Protein backbone atom coordinates (compact mmCIF):
# COMPACT_ATOMS: atom_id res chain seq x y z
CA MET A 1 -31.20 0.37 -10.08
CA GLN A 2 -29.14 -2.49 -8.65
CA ARG A 3 -26.39 -1.62 -6.18
CA LEU A 4 -22.87 -2.60 -7.33
CA TYR A 5 -20.33 -3.51 -4.69
CA VAL A 6 -16.97 -3.03 -6.36
CA HIS A 7 -15.16 -4.27 -3.25
CA PRO A 8 -16.46 -7.50 -1.67
CA LEU A 9 -17.06 -7.53 2.11
CA PRO A 10 -13.69 -9.13 3.02
CA VAL A 11 -11.87 -6.40 1.09
CA ARG A 12 -13.90 -3.65 2.73
CA ILE A 13 -13.05 -5.09 6.17
CA TRP A 14 -9.41 -5.35 5.08
CA HIS A 15 -9.45 -1.67 4.06
CA TRP A 16 -10.89 -0.56 7.42
CA ILE A 17 -8.31 -2.58 9.35
CA ASN A 18 -5.59 -1.03 7.18
CA ALA A 19 -6.95 2.50 7.56
CA LEU A 20 -7.03 2.31 11.36
CA SER A 21 -3.68 0.53 11.50
CA PHE A 22 -1.99 3.07 9.22
CA ILE A 23 -3.25 5.97 11.31
CA MET A 24 -1.75 4.30 14.38
CA MET A 25 1.48 3.48 12.50
CA ILE A 26 1.85 7.10 11.39
CA ALA A 27 1.26 8.39 14.92
CA THR A 28 3.71 5.98 16.53
CA GLY A 29 6.21 6.39 13.66
CA ILE A 30 6.24 10.16 14.12
CA GLN A 31 6.69 9.67 17.87
CA ILE A 32 9.62 7.29 17.24
CA ARG A 33 11.22 9.52 14.59
CA TYR A 34 10.89 12.75 16.59
CA VAL A 35 11.51 11.49 20.11
CA GLY A 36 12.06 14.45 22.40
CA LEU A 37 10.18 16.86 20.12
CA ILE A 38 6.84 15.08 20.37
CA ASN A 39 5.99 13.40 23.64
CA ALA A 40 2.54 11.92 23.06
CA MET A 41 3.63 8.64 24.65
CA PRO A 42 6.78 7.08 26.07
CA PHE A 43 9.29 6.01 23.43
CA LYS A 44 9.19 2.36 24.49
CA THR A 45 5.39 2.31 24.24
CA ALA A 46 5.53 3.90 20.77
CA VAL A 47 8.06 1.30 19.57
CA GLY A 48 6.04 -1.59 21.03
CA LEU A 49 2.80 -0.35 19.44
CA HIS A 50 4.50 0.35 16.13
CA ASN A 51 5.92 -3.19 16.03
CA TRP A 52 2.68 -4.86 17.07
CA ILE A 53 0.58 -2.90 14.57
CA GLY A 54 3.19 -3.61 11.88
CA PHE A 55 2.65 -7.34 12.38
CA VAL A 56 -1.13 -6.79 12.19
CA ILE A 57 -0.67 -5.02 8.85
CA ILE A 58 1.63 -7.78 7.55
CA GLY A 59 -0.95 -10.40 8.51
CA ASN A 60 -3.71 -8.31 6.99
CA PHE A 61 -1.72 -8.02 3.74
CA PHE A 62 -1.51 -11.80 3.49
CA VAL A 63 -5.26 -12.09 4.12
CA TRP A 64 -5.80 -9.67 1.18
CA PHE A 65 -3.23 -11.46 -0.99
CA LEU A 66 -4.64 -14.94 -0.33
CA PHE A 67 -8.24 -13.75 -0.80
CA TYR A 68 -7.43 -12.46 -4.26
CA LEU A 69 -5.09 -15.30 -5.13
CA PHE A 70 -7.70 -17.96 -4.41
CA SER A 71 -10.84 -16.21 -5.65
CA ASP A 72 -12.05 -15.21 -9.06
CA LYS A 73 -11.46 -11.56 -8.04
CA ILE A 74 -7.78 -11.94 -8.97
CA ARG A 75 -8.79 -10.86 -12.49
CA VAL A 76 -9.02 -7.31 -11.14
CA TYR A 77 -5.23 -7.28 -10.83
CA HIS A 78 -4.27 -8.94 -14.12
CA PRO A 79 -2.00 -6.49 -15.92
CA GLU A 80 -2.67 -5.34 -19.45
CA LEU A 81 -0.23 -7.35 -21.56
CA SER A 82 -0.44 -5.16 -24.63
CA PRO A 83 1.87 -2.16 -24.14
CA MET A 84 0.11 -0.21 -26.88
CA LYS A 85 -3.32 -0.77 -25.34
CA GLN A 86 -1.98 0.17 -21.88
CA PHE A 87 -0.39 3.33 -23.28
CA ARG A 88 -3.51 4.29 -25.27
CA GLU A 89 -5.88 3.74 -22.32
CA SER A 90 -3.50 5.49 -19.90
CA PHE A 91 -3.23 8.46 -22.26
CA LEU A 92 -7.05 8.68 -22.49
CA GLN A 93 -7.28 8.60 -18.71
CA LEU A 94 -4.58 11.27 -18.33
CA LYS A 95 -6.36 13.44 -20.91
CA TYR A 96 -9.59 13.02 -18.95
CA TYR A 97 -7.94 13.94 -15.61
CA GLY A 98 -6.06 16.88 -17.10
CA TYR A 99 -8.80 18.35 -19.24
CA GLY A 100 -11.96 16.33 -19.74
CA ILE A 101 -13.07 16.25 -16.11
CA PHE A 102 -13.18 20.07 -16.11
CA LYS A 103 -15.27 20.11 -19.29
CA GLY A 104 -17.82 17.58 -18.01
CA GLN A 105 -16.67 14.84 -20.38
CA ALA A 106 -17.42 11.21 -19.57
CA ASN A 107 -14.75 9.18 -17.81
CA PRO A 108 -13.19 6.77 -20.34
CA HIS A 109 -13.05 4.08 -17.66
CA HIS A 110 -16.27 2.27 -16.76
CA VAL A 111 -16.22 0.49 -13.39
CA ASN A 112 -17.58 -2.99 -12.80
CA ALA A 113 -16.80 -5.69 -10.24
CA TYR A 114 -13.97 -7.12 -12.37
CA HIS A 115 -12.66 -3.89 -13.84
CA LYS A 116 -12.59 -1.44 -10.95
CA PHE A 117 -9.28 0.30 -11.64
CA ASN A 118 -8.53 2.55 -14.58
CA PRO A 119 -5.19 1.85 -16.33
CA LEU A 120 -3.27 4.37 -14.23
CA GLN A 121 -4.74 3.11 -10.95
CA SER A 122 -4.11 -0.50 -11.93
CA MET A 123 -0.45 0.10 -12.76
CA LEU A 124 0.15 2.14 -9.61
CA TYR A 125 -1.71 -0.33 -7.37
CA GLN A 126 0.39 -3.21 -8.66
CA ILE A 127 3.61 -1.28 -8.03
CA ILE A 128 2.50 -0.34 -4.51
CA MET A 129 1.02 -3.67 -3.42
CA LEU A 130 3.48 -6.04 -5.08
CA LEU A 131 6.72 -4.06 -4.78
CA LEU A 132 6.69 -1.17 -2.31
CA VAL A 133 4.58 -2.77 0.44
CA PRO A 134 6.77 -5.92 0.59
CA ILE A 135 9.89 -3.71 0.73
CA GLN A 136 8.26 -1.71 3.54
CA PHE A 137 7.53 -4.94 5.44
CA TYR A 138 11.05 -6.23 4.85
CA THR A 139 12.75 -3.06 6.08
CA GLY A 140 10.36 -2.97 9.03
CA MET A 141 11.33 -6.52 9.95
CA LEU A 142 15.02 -5.62 9.73
CA LEU A 143 14.47 -2.62 12.00
CA TRP A 144 12.32 -4.66 14.39
CA ASN A 145 15.26 -6.88 15.33
CA VAL A 146 18.50 -5.38 14.11
CA GLU A 147 20.68 -7.86 16.02
CA ARG A 148 18.93 -10.91 14.56
CA PHE A 149 19.11 -9.51 11.02
CA ARG A 150 22.49 -7.76 11.32
CA GLY A 151 23.92 -9.57 8.26
CA GLN A 152 21.04 -8.47 6.05
CA VAL A 153 21.14 -4.93 7.44
CA GLU A 154 24.86 -4.71 6.61
CA LEU A 155 24.24 -6.23 3.16
CA PHE A 156 21.92 -3.33 2.35
CA GLY A 157 24.36 -0.67 3.49
CA GLY A 158 23.75 -0.48 7.22
CA LEU A 159 21.07 0.67 9.60
CA ARG A 160 20.88 4.23 8.24
CA VAL A 161 20.15 2.97 4.68
CA VAL A 162 17.50 0.49 5.85
CA ASP A 163 15.87 3.15 8.03
CA THR A 164 15.93 5.72 5.22
CA VAL A 165 14.31 3.29 2.76
CA HIS A 166 11.67 2.44 5.38
CA VAL A 167 10.84 6.10 5.95
CA LEU A 168 10.97 7.11 2.26
CA ILE A 169 8.57 4.35 1.19
CA PHE A 170 6.14 5.64 3.84
CA CYS A 171 6.38 9.15 2.42
């Protein structure tokens, strides 16, 4: 049997960098959010690490984005353009997750290198990677230098709104 690598090596490296970075972002973010309650490191150190790791994640995102944009692997992310087909395949997948998996039925989605996500995963991944992650980066940049981006912070309702959006997208 031939081994199938669904994720090419650059994507696997990208995932490991993200995994380690997100763990560090969560730890420093909790330290920043709950200063005084949790004292794992000085506040200034937590902010500095959080900012630095945030820029690593932003750079890593663009490595991922450019890799897929300029390789044939971009087909993995092409959305289903037929709403009926998307609905039908999503319903089959939901039925499998809600019932079929417990009855030992076969998964309706069959993975290959160019079709690694089932319809639900594909839709959710596109929403996360192409909408929520850029918003997370944008709010992070606004919080990184509030004085520089004061006009944009005020445009979005002030520091409390930007901070709340940043935290809620994380959750």
